Protein backbone atom coordinates (compact mmCIF):
# COMPACT_ATOMS: atom_id res chain seq x y z
CA MET A 1 252.20 256.12 86.88
CA PRO A 2 253.84 253.86 84.29
CA ILE A 3 255.09 255.51 81.12
CA VAL A 4 254.53 253.47 77.95
CA THR A 5 256.30 254.02 74.64
CA VAL A 6 253.93 253.67 71.71
CA SER A 7 255.38 253.37 68.21
CA PHE A 8 253.32 253.62 65.04
CA ILE A 9 253.55 254.92 61.49
CA VAL A 10 252.17 258.37 60.63
CA ASN A 11 251.88 259.18 56.93
CA GLY A 12 254.58 256.65 56.09
CA GLN A 13 257.04 257.81 58.77
CA PRO A 14 257.83 256.00 62.02
CA PHE A 15 256.72 257.86 65.13
CA SER A 16 257.13 257.06 68.83
CA ILE A 17 255.75 258.79 71.87
CA ASP A 18 255.91 258.19 75.59
CA VAL A 19 252.49 258.36 77.21
CA ASP A 20 251.40 258.06 80.81
CA SER A 21 249.14 255.00 80.86
CA ALA A 22 247.09 256.55 83.68
CA THR A 23 246.32 259.75 81.74
CA PRO A 24 244.28 259.39 78.53
CA THR A 25 245.97 260.87 75.46
CA THR A 26 244.00 261.05 72.24
CA LEU A 27 245.42 260.31 68.83
CA LEU A 28 244.10 263.67 67.63
CA SER A 29 246.06 265.58 70.28
CA VAL A 30 249.24 263.68 69.38
CA LEU A 31 248.76 264.34 65.65
CA ILE A 32 248.19 268.06 66.20
CA ASN A 33 250.60 268.78 69.06
CA ASP A 34 253.41 266.27 68.61
CA VAL A 35 253.39 265.41 64.90
CA GLN A 36 252.37 269.01 64.01
CA LEU A 37 249.74 268.10 61.43
CA ASN A 38 246.92 270.42 60.34
CA GLY A 39 244.56 268.04 58.51
CA PRO A 40 242.60 266.45 61.34
CA LYS A 41 240.73 269.07 63.37
CA PHE A 42 239.20 269.19 66.83
CA GLY A 43 235.50 269.66 66.17
CA CYS A 44 233.26 268.22 68.83
CA GLY A 45 235.56 265.95 70.80
CA LEU A 46 232.77 263.38 70.92
CA ALA A 47 233.23 261.55 67.59
CA GLN A 48 230.07 263.14 66.22
CA CYS A 49 231.28 265.53 63.51
CA GLY A 50 234.13 263.75 61.69
CA ALA A 51 236.56 266.70 61.54
CA CYS A 52 239.18 264.56 63.29
CA THR A 53 238.99 261.63 60.85
CA VAL A 54 242.15 259.70 59.97
CA LEU A 55 242.74 256.29 58.45
CA LEU A 56 243.93 253.62 60.87
CA ASP A 57 245.31 250.74 58.83
CA GLY A 58 243.18 252.00 55.94
CA ALA A 59 239.89 252.31 57.86
CA PRO A 60 238.46 255.71 58.79
CA ILE A 61 238.24 256.46 62.50
CA ARG A 62 237.47 259.46 64.68
CA SER A 63 240.83 260.30 66.24
CA CYS A 64 239.35 262.58 68.94
CA ILE A 65 238.28 259.54 70.97
CA ARG A 66 240.99 257.04 69.96
CA GLN A 67 243.43 256.64 72.83
CA VAL A 68 247.16 256.40 72.24
CA ASN A 69 248.14 253.26 74.11
CA ALA A 70 249.84 249.93 73.55
CA ALA A 71 246.96 248.82 71.30
CA LEU A 72 248.07 251.41 68.73
CA ASP A 73 251.64 250.09 68.67
CA GLY A 74 252.72 248.99 65.20
CA HIS A 75 249.67 250.35 63.37
CA GLU A 76 249.58 252.83 60.50
CA VAL A 77 247.84 256.21 60.64
CA THR A 78 247.21 258.22 57.49
CA THR A 79 245.88 261.77 57.48
CA ILE A 80 244.84 263.80 54.45
CA GLU A 81 248.40 265.16 54.39
CA GLY A 82 249.67 261.61 53.95
CA LEU A 83 247.64 260.89 50.81
CA GLY A 84 249.78 262.95 48.45
CA THR A 85 251.93 266.05 48.15
CA LYS A 86 251.46 269.53 46.71
CA GLU A 87 253.56 268.47 43.75
CA ASN A 88 251.86 265.10 43.35
CA PRO A 89 248.41 265.08 44.94
CA HIS A 90 246.52 261.84 45.39
CA PRO A 91 243.73 261.51 42.78
CA ILE A 92 241.09 262.20 45.42
CA GLN A 93 242.89 265.37 46.49
CA GLN A 94 243.11 266.42 42.84
CA ALA A 95 239.39 265.79 42.39
CA PHE A 96 238.65 268.07 45.36
CA ILE A 97 240.99 270.72 43.94
CA ASP A 98 239.39 270.49 40.49
CA GLU A 99 235.88 270.87 41.94
CA GLN A 100 236.98 273.57 44.41
CA ALA A 101 235.27 271.35 46.94
CA ALA A 102 236.67 272.84 50.12
CA GLN A 103 235.64 276.20 51.40
CA CYS A 104 236.75 276.41 55.01
CA ALA A 105 238.27 272.87 54.95
CA PHE A 106 237.30 272.19 58.56
CA CYS A 107 235.33 269.05 57.69
CA ILE A 108 237.53 267.94 54.80
CA SER A 109 239.31 265.13 56.67
CA GLY A 110 236.05 263.35 57.41
CA ILE A 111 234.45 263.81 54.04
CA MET A 112 237.57 263.08 51.99
CA LEU A 113 238.70 260.04 53.98
CA TYR A 114 235.28 258.44 54.58
CA GLY A 115 234.42 259.28 50.97
CA LYS A 116 237.64 257.74 49.66
CA VAL A 117 237.06 254.49 51.52
CA PHE A 118 233.40 254.39 50.41
CA VAL A 119 234.24 255.01 46.75
CA ASP A 120 237.18 252.57 46.82
CA GLN A 121 234.84 249.90 48.20
CA ASN A 122 231.98 250.80 45.85
CA PRO A 123 233.48 251.42 42.40
CA GLY A 124 231.01 253.07 40.07
CA ALA A 125 228.91 254.48 42.92
CA THR A 126 226.43 257.15 41.86
CA GLU A 127 226.35 260.60 43.43
CA GLU A 128 223.24 259.54 45.35
CA GLN A 129 224.99 256.45 46.72
CA ILE A 130 228.03 258.51 47.73
CA LEU A 131 225.81 261.05 49.49
CA ALA A 132 223.99 258.23 51.31
CA GLY A 133 227.35 256.73 52.33
CA LEU A 134 228.51 260.07 53.72
CA ASN A 135 225.19 260.67 55.47
CA ALA A 136 225.49 257.28 57.17
CA GLN A 137 228.68 258.56 58.82
CA GLN A 138 226.93 261.68 60.19
CA LEU A 139 229.64 264.03 58.95
CA LEU A 140 229.06 267.71 59.55
CA CYS A 141 229.87 270.47 57.07
CA ARG A 142 228.76 273.97 57.89
CA CYS A 143 229.89 275.88 54.81
CA TYR A 144 227.63 274.08 52.32
CA THR A 145 230.06 272.79 49.73
CA HIS A 146 228.33 269.39 49.90
CA LEU A 147 227.45 269.25 46.21
CA ARG A 148 231.00 270.00 45.11
CA MET A 149 232.40 267.44 47.56
CA VAL A 150 230.03 264.74 46.35
CA ARG A 151 230.88 265.64 42.75
CA ALA A 152 234.61 265.42 43.57
CA LEU A 153 234.11 261.98 45.15
CA TYR A 154 232.07 260.86 42.15
CA ASN A 155 234.75 262.12 39.74
CA TYR A 156 237.43 260.37 41.79
CA GLY A 157 235.45 257.15 41.56
CA GLN A 158 234.97 257.51 37.84
CA GLY A 159 238.57 258.54 37.20
CA VAL A 160 237.29 261.71 35.56
CA GLN A 161 240.00 264.15 34.60
CA PRO A 162 239.23 267.86 34.04
């Protein structure tokens, strides 16, 4: 079983891991177990809920099905932790804080990261357009803070400050 070293950037920091090329290793498991991050969550394990969402070179992906292999070498992974800090949150994180848009925060990676990319690509999007963009991704939220999350994404897009 050949061992392969895969090197990539996680939240701006270089990271390398040795993986057995014969045994699938998911990006989500590496982020949780090896990088010790709490943002992406294991939800369904089938790329259906979005709780495991991260940005891969700026594009949202479901990390629960993304294999860590040579194809990941040299790429950049950003989780919600990598957007900003407690002292200096990213504007989208601040918008979610201002709207109190996370209750249990289980789904927050999917909604915040898919929402960020959607709003960044569609400046001036309405709340209805943002909701449609999120719905197209089939993201699951079970605690019903949808309205506050959409409002936070809208405010982020509009640059609204509290």
